[in-house]
Structures are given as structure tokens and as C-alpha cells.
Amino acid sequence: MPLKAAILIVSTTAARDPSTDAAGAVLKDVFAQDGDGKWEVVDTKIVPDIVLDIQREIKLWTDAAEAPSLIITTGGTGFAVSDSTPEV
């Protein structure tokens, strides 16, 4: 039985237009190709770089009856005043 992974993409741009995101597909490929069949990506979400949105999504996953074994976050790499990912 594979371990479960979830991917959280933090990007205000991609939250508005998911077609701008490339990270989700790359991470899914890494799990599929390099995970040796030991991982299954069970969910991928895109949220804007807003503290409560990021926290809410992570809590939904961790509090679920079938919580993923691993949550990967990507994005939130900007250094604008509105970027809050590092603090979350």
C-alpha cells in the first residue's frame, strides 16, 4: 500500500489562474517516477499567499481521518509585503 502525499501550491497568481502553475505537475511526476511506486499523490490544491488560506488547507489535510503521510508545500517565494508563506 503506497504512502499518501498531498501537494499545496501557494501562489496568488496560480490561485487566480491555475494554468500558470508548473510546480504541481513537476512534483506529481517526481512522486510517480522517483517514488518507486511507494507514493500516491492523493490531493493537490492551489491557494493564494494568505496566511489563513494556507493554514486552513494544511489543517484540513492533517485533521482528516485519512490524513496524508506527507504534505509538500511549494511557492510563496516572493519578497513583497503581501507574501506571508515563510511566516505560516
N, C-alpha and C. Protein backbone atom coordinates (compact mmCIF):
# COMPACT_ATOMS: atom_id res chain seq x y z
N MET A 1 0.85 -1.18 0.00
CA MET A 1 0.00 0.00 0.00
C MET A 1 0.90 1.24 0.00
N PRO A 2 0.71 2.14 -0.99
CA PRO A 2 1.58 3.31 -1.06
C PRO A 2 1.28 4.33 0.04
N LEU A 3 2.30 5.10 0.38
CA LEU A 3 2.12 6.22 1.29
C LEU A 3 1.40 7.34 0.55
N LYS A 4 0.64 8.15 1.29
CA LYS A 4 -0.14 9.21 0.67
C LYS A 4 0.55 10.55 0.83
N ALA A 5 0.56 11.32 -0.27
CA ALA A 5 1.14 12.65 -0.26
C ALA A 5 0.11 13.65 -0.77
N ALA A 6 0.22 14.88 -0.26
CA ALA A 6 -0.61 15.98 -0.73
C ALA A 6 0.32 17.13 -1.10
N ILE A 7 -0.07 17.88 -2.12
CA ILE A 7 0.75 19.00 -2.60
C ILE A 7 -0.04 20.28 -2.46
N LEU A 8 0.55 21.26 -1.77
CA LEU A 8 -0.08 22.57 -1.62
C LEU A 8 0.77 23.59 -2.37
N ILE A 9 0.18 24.20 -3.38
CA ILE A 9 0.85 25.22 -4.16
C ILE A 9 0.38 26.57 -3.63
N VAL A 10 1.30 27.37 -3.15
CA VAL A 10 0.99 28.68 -2.61
C VAL A 10 1.38 29.72 -3.65
N SER A 11 0.36 30.29 -4.29
CA SER A 11 0.61 31.27 -5.34
C SER A 11 -0.65 32.08 -5.58
N THR A 12 -0.57 33.35 -5.35
CA THR A 12 -1.72 34.21 -5.61
C THR A 12 -2.04 34.22 -7.10
N THR A 13 -1.01 34.22 -7.93
CA THR A 13 -1.22 34.20 -9.38
C THR A 13 -1.89 32.91 -9.82
N ALA A 14 -1.36 31.77 -9.39
CA ALA A 14 -1.92 30.48 -9.79
C ALA A 14 -3.31 30.24 -9.19
N ALA A 15 -3.59 30.83 -8.03
CA ALA A 15 -4.92 30.69 -7.44
C ALA A 15 -5.96 31.37 -8.34
N ARG A 16 -5.55 32.45 -8.98
CA ARG A 16 -6.44 33.15 -9.92
C ARG A 16 -6.52 32.42 -11.25
N ASP A 17 -5.38 31.87 -11.70
CA ASP A 17 -5.32 31.19 -13.00
C ASP A 17 -4.44 29.95 -12.86
N PRO A 18 -5.07 28.80 -12.55
CA PRO A 18 -4.30 27.57 -12.33
C PRO A 18 -3.40 27.16 -13.50
N SER A 19 -3.70 27.63 -14.69
CA SER A 19 -2.87 27.25 -15.84
C SER A 19 -1.46 27.84 -15.76
N THR A 20 -1.25 28.81 -14.87
CA THR A 20 0.09 29.41 -14.73
C THR A 20 1.02 28.57 -13.84
N ASP A 21 0.47 27.58 -13.18
CA ASP A 21 1.28 26.76 -12.27
C ASP A 21 1.97 25.63 -13.01
N ALA A 22 3.26 25.49 -12.79
CA ALA A 22 4.02 24.37 -13.35
C ALA A 22 4.51 23.43 -12.25
N ALA A 23 4.55 23.92 -11.02
CA ALA A 23 5.13 23.14 -9.91
C ALA A 23 4.33 21.89 -9.60
N GLY A 24 3.03 21.97 -9.63
CA GLY A 24 2.20 20.81 -9.28
C GLY A 24 2.48 19.61 -10.16
N ALA A 25 2.54 19.83 -11.46
CA ALA A 25 2.80 18.74 -12.40
C ALA A 25 4.20 18.16 -12.20
N VAL A 26 5.17 19.03 -11.95
CA VAL A 26 6.54 18.56 -11.73
C VAL A 26 6.61 17.69 -10.48
N LEU A 27 6.00 18.14 -9.39
CA LEU A 27 6.03 17.35 -8.16
C LEU A 27 5.29 16.02 -8.31
N LYS A 28 4.17 16.02 -9.01
CA LYS A 28 3.47 14.75 -9.26
C LYS A 28 4.35 13.79 -10.04
N ASP A 29 5.08 14.31 -11.03
CA ASP A 29 5.99 13.48 -11.82
C ASP A 29 7.11 12.92 -10.95
N VAL A 30 7.62 13.72 -10.03
CA VAL A 30 8.70 13.25 -9.14
C VAL A 30 8.19 12.07 -8.31
N PHE A 31 7.00 12.20 -7.74
CA PHE A 31 6.45 11.09 -6.97
C PHE A 31 6.23 9.86 -7.85
N ALA A 32 5.72 10.07 -9.05
CA ALA A 32 5.42 8.94 -9.94
C ALA A 32 6.69 8.26 -10.45
N GLN A 33 7.68 9.06 -10.85
CA GLN A 33 8.87 8.50 -11.48
C GLN A 33 9.94 8.09 -10.48
N ASP A 34 10.12 8.86 -9.43
CA ASP A 34 11.19 8.59 -8.49
C ASP A 34 10.71 7.97 -7.18
N GLY A 35 9.41 7.88 -7.03
CA GLY A 35 8.85 7.35 -5.79
C GLY A 35 8.84 5.83 -5.73
N ASP A 36 9.25 5.18 -6.80
CA ASP A 36 9.38 3.73 -6.82
C ASP A 36 8.07 3.04 -6.44
N GLY A 37 6.94 3.67 -6.80
CA GLY A 37 5.63 3.08 -6.51
C GLY A 37 5.23 3.13 -5.04
N LYS A 38 6.02 3.82 -4.24
CA LYS A 38 5.75 3.87 -2.80
C LYS A 38 4.88 5.05 -2.40
N TRP A 39 4.60 5.96 -3.35
CA TRP A 39 3.83 7.16 -3.04
C TRP A 39 2.65 7.31 -3.98
N GLU A 40 1.57 7.83 -3.43
CA GLU A 40 0.40 8.20 -4.21
C GLU A 40 0.03 9.64 -3.84
N VAL A 41 -0.04 10.51 -4.84
CA VAL A 41 -0.47 11.88 -4.59
C VAL A 41 -1.99 11.86 -4.54
N VAL A 42 -2.54 12.09 -3.36
CA VAL A 42 -3.99 11.97 -3.16
C VAL A 42 -4.72 13.30 -3.33
N ASP A 43 -4.01 14.42 -3.27
CA ASP A 43 -4.66 15.70 -3.43
C ASP A 43 -3.64 16.77 -3.76
N THR A 44 -4.06 17.72 -4.57
CA THR A 44 -3.26 18.89 -4.90
C THR A 44 -4.19 20.09 -4.84
N LYS A 45 -3.77 21.12 -4.14
CA LYS A 45 -4.56 22.35 -4.02
C LYS A 45 -3.68 23.55 -4.32
N ILE A 46 -4.33 24.60 -4.81
CA ILE A 46 -3.66 25.88 -5.02
C ILE A 46 -4.38 26.91 -4.16
N VAL A 47 -3.61 27.63 -3.35
CA VAL A 47 -4.17 28.69 -2.51
C VAL A 47 -3.37 29.96 -2.71
N PRO A 48 -4.01 31.11 -2.51
CA PRO A 48 -3.25 32.36 -2.58
C PRO A 48 -2.32 32.49 -1.38
N ASP A 49 -1.38 33.37 -1.47
CA ASP A 49 -0.40 33.57 -0.40
C ASP A 49 -1.04 34.40 0.72
N ILE A 50 -1.98 33.75 1.39
CA ILE A 50 -2.72 34.36 2.50
C ILE A 50 -2.63 33.39 3.68
N VAL A 51 -2.18 33.88 4.81
CA VAL A 51 -1.92 33.03 5.98
C VAL A 51 -3.07 32.09 6.29
N LEU A 52 -4.27 32.61 6.44
CA LEU A 52 -5.41 31.76 6.83
C LEU A 52 -5.75 30.71 5.79
N ASP A 53 -5.60 31.04 4.51
CA ASP A 53 -5.86 30.06 3.46
C ASP A 53 -4.87 28.91 3.50
N ILE A 54 -3.61 29.24 3.71
CA ILE A 54 -2.56 28.21 3.79
C ILE A 54 -2.79 27.33 5.01
N GLN A 55 -3.00 27.96 6.16
CA GLN A 55 -3.22 27.20 7.39
C GLN A 55 -4.47 26.33 7.30
N ARG A 56 -5.53 26.89 6.74
CA ARG A 56 -6.80 26.15 6.63
C ARG A 56 -6.61 24.87 5.81
N GLU A 57 -5.94 24.97 4.68
CA GLU A 57 -5.77 23.79 3.83
C GLU A 57 -4.92 22.74 4.51
N ILE A 58 -3.84 23.15 5.15
CA ILE A 58 -2.99 22.18 5.83
C ILE A 58 -3.75 21.51 6.97
N LYS A 59 -4.52 22.28 7.72
CA LYS A 59 -5.31 21.70 8.82
C LYS A 59 -6.37 20.75 8.31
N LEU A 60 -7.00 21.07 7.18
CA LEU A 60 -7.99 20.15 6.61
C LEU A 60 -7.36 18.80 6.31
N TRP A 61 -6.17 18.83 5.76
CA TRP A 61 -5.48 17.58 5.45
C TRP A 61 -5.05 16.85 6.72
N THR A 62 -4.44 17.56 7.65
CA THR A 62 -3.91 16.88 8.84
C THR A 62 -5.00 16.38 9.77
N ASP A 63 -6.15 17.03 9.76
CA ASP A 63 -7.25 16.61 10.63
C ASP A 63 -8.16 15.56 10.00
N ALA A 64 -7.94 15.23 8.76
CA ALA A 64 -8.78 14.25 8.06
C ALA A 64 -8.57 12.85 8.63
N ALA A 65 -9.58 12.03 8.54
CA ALA A 65 -9.49 10.65 9.02
C ALA A 65 -8.38 9.89 8.30
N GLU A 66 -8.21 10.16 7.02
CA GLU A 66 -7.15 9.51 6.23
C GLU A 66 -6.12 10.58 5.85
N ALA A 67 -5.48 11.15 6.83
CA ALA A 67 -4.51 12.22 6.59
C ALA A 67 -3.34 11.71 5.75
N PRO A 68 -2.82 12.57 4.86
CA PRO A 68 -1.65 12.16 4.08
C PRO A 68 -0.44 11.96 4.98
N SER A 69 0.44 11.10 4.54
CA SER A 69 1.69 10.85 5.27
C SER A 69 2.66 12.02 5.13
N LEU A 70 2.52 12.77 4.03
CA LEU A 70 3.44 13.85 3.73
C LEU A 70 2.68 14.98 3.04
N ILE A 71 2.93 16.21 3.46
CA ILE A 71 2.38 17.37 2.78
C ILE A 71 3.56 18.19 2.27
N ILE A 72 3.58 18.41 0.97
CA ILE A 72 4.62 19.20 0.33
C ILE A 72 4.03 20.57 0.02
N THR A 73 4.73 21.62 0.39
CA THR A 73 4.31 22.96 0.01
C THR A 73 5.33 23.51 -0.96
N THR A 74 4.85 24.27 -1.93
CA THR A 74 5.71 24.91 -2.90
C THR A 74 5.14 26.28 -3.23
N GLY A 75 6.01 27.18 -3.61
CA GLY A 75 5.56 28.53 -3.95
C GLY A 75 5.82 29.48 -2.81
N GLY A 76 5.16 30.63 -2.89
CA GLY A 76 5.33 31.64 -1.85
C GLY A 76 6.75 32.14 -1.76
N THR A 77 7.40 32.25 -2.91
CA THR A 77 8.81 32.61 -2.91
C THR A 77 9.07 34.10 -3.07
N GLY A 78 8.00 34.88 -3.20
CA GLY A 78 8.19 36.32 -3.40
C GLY A 78 8.63 37.02 -2.12
N PHE A 79 9.07 38.23 -2.27
CA PHE A 79 9.51 39.02 -1.13
C PHE A 79 8.74 40.33 -1.03
N ALA A 80 7.53 40.32 -1.54
CA ALA A 80 6.68 41.51 -1.45
C ALA A 80 6.05 41.56 -0.06
N VAL A 81 5.53 42.71 0.28
CA VAL A 81 4.88 42.89 1.59
C VAL A 81 3.73 41.90 1.75
N SER A 82 3.04 41.56 0.66
CA SER A 82 1.89 40.67 0.72
C SER A 82 2.28 39.19 0.84
N ASP A 83 3.53 38.84 0.67
CA ASP A 83 3.98 37.44 0.75
C ASP A 83 4.13 37.04 2.21
N SER A 84 3.40 35.99 2.61
CA SER A 84 3.40 35.60 4.01
C SER A 84 3.77 34.13 4.23
N THR A 85 4.08 33.41 3.18
CA THR A 85 4.33 31.98 3.30
C THR A 85 5.41 31.64 4.33
N PRO A 86 6.56 32.33 4.35
CA PRO A 86 7.57 31.95 5.34
C PRO A 86 7.08 32.03 6.79
N GLU A 87 6.19 32.98 7.06
CA GLU A 87 5.68 33.13 8.41
C GLU A 87 4.68 32.05 8.80
N VAL A 88 3.99 31.49 7.81
CA VAL A 88 2.98 30.48 8.09
C VAL A 88 3.67 29.24 8.58
